[in-house]
Protein backbone atom coordinates (compact mmCIF):
# COMPACT_ATOMS: atom_id res chain seq x y z
CA MET A 1 20.05 -13.81 11.21
CA VAL A 2 19.47 -10.03 12.45
CA LYS A 3 18.34 -10.37 16.00
CA LYS A 4 14.75 -8.00 16.74
CA THR A 5 14.73 -5.38 18.71
CA LEU A 6 12.68 -4.90 21.62
CA LYS A 7 10.94 -2.38 19.08
CA GLN A 8 9.84 -5.01 16.75
CA ARG A 9 9.48 -7.50 18.21
CA ILE A 10 6.15 -5.54 20.30
CA VAL A 11 4.55 -4.48 16.73
CA ASP A 12 5.13 -8.16 15.92
CA ALA A 13 3.42 -9.41 18.78
CA SER A 14 0.35 -7.08 18.79
CA LEU A 15 -0.12 -7.64 14.86
CA VAL A 16 -1.12 -11.42 16.65
CA LEU A 17 -2.74 -10.48 19.68
CA PHE A 18 -4.37 -7.62 17.82
CA GLN A 19 -6.02 -9.48 15.32
CA GLN A 20 -6.89 -12.31 17.81
CA ASP A 21 -8.79 -10.62 19.59
CA GLY A 22 -9.34 -7.06 18.80
CA TYR A 23 -7.43 -3.99 19.42
CA HIS A 24 -9.55 -2.62 23.14
CA SER A 25 -9.19 -5.71 23.83
CA VAL A 26 -5.43 -6.32 24.24
CA THR A 27 -3.40 -5.05 26.77
CA VAL A 28 0.09 -3.47 27.29
CA ASP A 29 0.58 -6.02 30.20
CA ARG A 30 -0.50 -8.47 27.74
CA ILE A 31 2.27 -7.48 24.66
CA VAL A 32 4.98 -7.72 26.80
CA GLU A 33 3.74 -11.04 28.35
CA TYR A 34 3.25 -12.09 24.66
CA ILE A 35 7.17 -11.36 24.10
CA GLY A 36 8.32 -12.18 28.62
CA ALA A 37 9.62 -8.46 27.80
CA SER A 38 8.88 -5.55 31.00
CA LYS A 39 6.61 -2.61 30.77
CA GLY A 40 8.95 -0.44 31.47
CA GLY A 41 10.66 -2.00 27.46
CA PHE A 42 7.50 -1.28 26.51
CA TYR A 43 7.16 2.44 27.91
CA HIS A 44 10.61 3.19 26.40
CA ASN A 45 9.61 2.52 22.44
CA PHE A 46 5.91 4.04 22.76
CA LYS A 47 4.53 6.10 25.37
CA SER A 48 1.28 4.37 25.00
CA LYS A 49 -0.55 1.72 22.69
CA ASP A 50 -1.83 4.53 21.13
CA GLU A 51 1.57 5.07 18.74
CA LEU A 52 1.94 1.45 18.96
CA LEU A 53 -0.93 0.95 16.84
CA TYR A 54 0.14 4.28 14.97
CA GLU A 55 3.50 3.04 14.38
CA ILE A 56 1.96 0.06 12.86
CA HIS A 57 0.20 1.98 10.24
CA ASP A 58 3.35 4.36 9.09
CA VAL A 59 6.11 1.23 8.79
CA PHE A 60 3.83 0.64 5.53
CA ILE A 61 2.65 4.01 4.45
CA SER A 62 6.75 4.81 4.62
CA TYR A 63 7.52 1.93 2.58
CA VAL A 64 5.14 2.40 -0.32
CA ILE A 65 6.17 6.83 -0.22
CA LYS A 66 9.37 5.58 -0.70
CA GLN A 67 8.67 3.38 -2.95
CA SER A 68 6.70 5.48 -5.31
CA GLN A 69 8.99 8.44 -4.89
CA GLU A 70 12.07 5.35 -6.24
CA ALA A 71 9.54 4.45 -9.40
CA TYR A 72 8.67 7.84 -9.97
CA ASP A 73 12.44 8.57 -10.33
CA GLN A 74 13.33 4.90 -11.73
CA TYR A 75 10.98 6.24 -14.82
CA ASP A 76 10.46 8.62 -17.01
CA THR A 77 7.14 8.41 -18.49
CA PRO A 78 3.59 8.62 -16.67
CA ILE A 79 2.80 5.34 -18.09
CA THR A 80 5.58 3.46 -16.36
CA ARG A 81 5.61 5.46 -13.58
CA LEU A 82 2.10 4.58 -13.23
CA CYS A 83 2.68 0.57 -13.65
CA ALA A 84 5.72 0.73 -11.36
CA MET A 85 3.44 2.40 -8.67
CA VAL A 86 0.21 0.25 -8.31
CA GLN A 87 3.02 -2.53 -8.37
CA THR A 88 4.10 -0.59 -5.12
CA LEU A 89 0.96 -0.54 -3.69
CA THR A 90 -0.39 -3.74 -4.62
CA GLN A 91 2.63 -4.86 -3.29
CA VAL A 92 2.04 -3.49 0.11
CA PHE A 93 -0.77 -5.16 1.01
CA ASP A 94 1.46 -8.71 0.59
CA VAL A 95 4.76 -7.82 2.40
CA TYR A 96 2.88 -5.90 5.42
CA GLN A 97 -0.51 -8.13 4.79
CA ALA A 98 -1.32 -8.02 9.01
CA HIS A 99 0.07 -4.91 9.67
CA ILE A 100 -2.86 -3.02 7.19
CA THR A 101 -5.14 -5.37 8.54
CA VAL A 102 -5.07 -4.65 11.70
CA PHE A 103 -4.96 -0.46 11.36
CA TYR A 104 -7.94 -1.06 9.02
CA GLU A 105 -9.83 -2.65 10.99
CA GLU A 106 -9.59 -0.63 14.04
CA SER A 107 -7.64 2.59 13.11
CA ARG A 108 -11.05 4.62 14.48
CA SER A 109 -9.57 3.86 17.45
CA LEU A 110 -6.80 6.15 17.12
CA PRO A 111 -6.87 10.24 19.26
CA GLU A 112 -7.48 13.11 16.70
CA GLU A 113 -3.21 13.62 17.36
CA TYR A 114 -2.44 10.12 15.73
CA SER A 115 -5.30 11.16 12.71
CA VAL A 116 -4.15 14.44 11.14
CA LEU A 117 0.18 12.95 10.31
CA ILE A 118 -2.41 9.51 9.35
CA HIS A 119 -3.95 11.74 6.69
CA LYS A 120 -1.04 14.13 6.09
CA LYS A 121 0.98 10.65 5.06
CA ARG A 122 -1.30 9.02 2.89
CA ASP A 123 -1.79 13.41 1.53
CA GLN A 124 1.77 12.65 0.65
CA TYR A 125 1.06 9.22 -1.30
CA ARG A 126 -2.20 10.44 -3.62
CA ASP A 127 0.44 13.35 -4.06
CA ILE A 128 3.00 11.67 -6.59
CA LEU A 129 0.45 8.90 -7.92
CA GLN A 130 -2.16 12.09 -8.94
CA LYS A 131 1.20 14.44 -10.51
CA VAL A 132 1.73 11.31 -12.81
CA ILE A 133 -1.91 10.97 -13.71
CA ALA A 134 -1.94 14.94 -14.04
CA GLU A 135 1.38 14.57 -16.29
CA GLY A 136 -0.30 11.99 -18.14
CA GLN A 137 -2.77 13.81 -19.27
CA GLU A 138 -0.94 16.95 -20.09
CA THR A 139 1.16 14.66 -22.41
CA LYS A 140 -1.84 12.83 -23.64
CA ASP A 141 -1.50 9.73 -22.69
CA PHE A 142 -3.71 9.48 -20.46
CA ARG A 143 -7.81 10.83 -21.34
CA SER A 144 -8.00 14.31 -20.48
CA GLU A 145 -11.54 14.11 -19.84
CA LEU A 146 -11.67 12.37 -17.18
CA PRO A 147 -11.43 14.11 -13.51
CA CYS A 148 -8.00 13.36 -12.51
CA THR A 149 -8.71 13.45 -8.87
CA ILE A 150 -11.28 10.63 -9.34
CA VAL A 151 -9.28 8.86 -11.35
CA THR A 152 -6.40 9.16 -8.51
CA MET A 153 -8.73 8.13 -5.96
CA ALA A 154 -10.68 5.57 -8.13
CA ILE A 155 -7.21 3.46 -8.41
CA VAL A 156 -5.97 4.15 -4.87
CA GLY A 157 -9.46 2.86 -3.24
CA MET A 158 -10.46 -0.57 -5.52
CA ILE A 159 -6.20 -1.80 -4.78
CA ASN A 160 -6.72 -0.74 -0.66
CA TRP A 161 -10.21 -3.04 -1.10
CA THR A 162 -7.75 -5.63 -1.16
CA TYR A 163 -6.53 -6.69 2.61
CA LYS A 164 -10.42 -7.74 2.93
CA TRP A 165 -9.92 -10.74 0.65
CA PHE A 166 -6.20 -10.98 -0.73
CA LYS A 167 -5.51 -14.71 1.23
CA GLN A 168 -1.14 -15.70 0.81
CA THR A 169 -2.74 -19.02 0.58
CA GLY A 170 -5.44 -18.15 -2.89
CA PRO A 171 -5.50 -19.21 -6.68
CA LEU A 172 -3.54 -15.84 -7.46
CA THR A 173 -0.10 -14.15 -6.60
CA MET A 174 0.00 -11.07 -5.64
CA GLU A 175 1.89 -10.76 -8.54
CA GLU A 176 -0.73 -11.96 -10.96
CA ILE A 177 -3.08 -9.68 -9.28
CA THR A 178 -1.42 -6.88 -9.63
CA GLU A 179 -1.27 -7.87 -13.64
CA VAL A 180 -5.25 -7.71 -13.89
CA PHE A 181 -5.27 -4.69 -11.46
CA THR A 182 -2.77 -2.85 -13.88
CA ASP A 183 -4.47 -4.23 -16.86
CA MET A 184 -7.90 -2.78 -15.41
CA ILE A 185 -6.97 0.90 -15.35
CA LEU A 186 -4.90 1.31 -18.49
CA ARG A 187 -7.83 -0.07 -20.20
CA ALA A 188 -9.95 3.03 -18.66
CA ILE A 189 -7.31 5.69 -18.86
CA VAL A 190 -5.02 4.99 -21.32
CA THR A 191 -5.79 7.05 -24.54
CA GLU A 192 -5.49 5.22 -28.00
CA GLN A 193 -2.42 7.39 -29.58
CA ALA A 194 -0.43 5.31 -25.52
CA MET A 195 -1.56 2.28 -25.82
CA GLU A 196 0.63 0.64 -27.73
CA GLU A 197 3.49 2.28 -24.99
CA ALA A 198 1.57 0.91 -22.18
CA ILE A 199 1.02 -3.07 -23.71
CA GLN A 200 4.91 -2.69 -24.43
CA PHE A 201 5.41 -2.19 -20.57
CA MET A 202 3.50 -5.15 -19.52
CA VAL A 203 5.12 -7.58 -21.71
CA MET A 204 8.68 -6.50 -20.47
CA VAL A 205 8.21 -6.56 -16.94
CA ASN A 206 5.66 -9.78 -17.67
CA PRO A 207 5.99 -11.35 -21.05
CA ALA A 208 2.63 -13.91 -20.32
CA THR A 209 0.93 -10.89 -20.39
CA GLU A 210 1.21 -10.74 -24.11
CA THR A 211 -2.26 -14.08 -23.83
CA GLY A 212 -3.65 -11.44 -21.89
CA PHE A 213 -3.06 -7.93 -22.09
CA ILE A 214 -2.03 -7.49 -26.02
CA ASN A 215 -5.21 -9.83 -27.59
CA GLN A 216 -7.24 -7.06 -26.93
């Protein structure tokens, strides 16, 4: 088992404490006491508690950007790229659930300097997704009458809200939820001529889909 670095231990402790008592109620002293470290160790890794909260966001948004770019590079059609990117975006709510919950609940606490960096990273992700939507409209895979920007924001907005209700102990796994999201998105934006490719890809990824998506 790989031993966690002090930086990772600080992040892990802050996730527990911030979720439990809120960002403003948790001090640096309490974080280091929780893991048996020193304040010097904390400030060696983070210049402030604000930077720690920024790091919590950066961990998961960097993951989404990296995985989305890899999905774009791996596949070669708008439909397969979109499906892969939706899977990436939903998966982050399972892998980094605590990070996302803490950030969305406490992000308003961050000063402007961090907000600018955060918006830049979020724009970077949306640009990849919007590029896929635009390419799909050009190839007539996606409905061109739908504004590209609104389609992009609708997809991101729908999936982002997952953090409010998704429970790892709930009745549906994230894989099953991803299938529902993908089904809804494809039905909304795919043209009739491209529907067959969408169906084939969904079945390839999950054969059980044949009982749902295909039986329209």
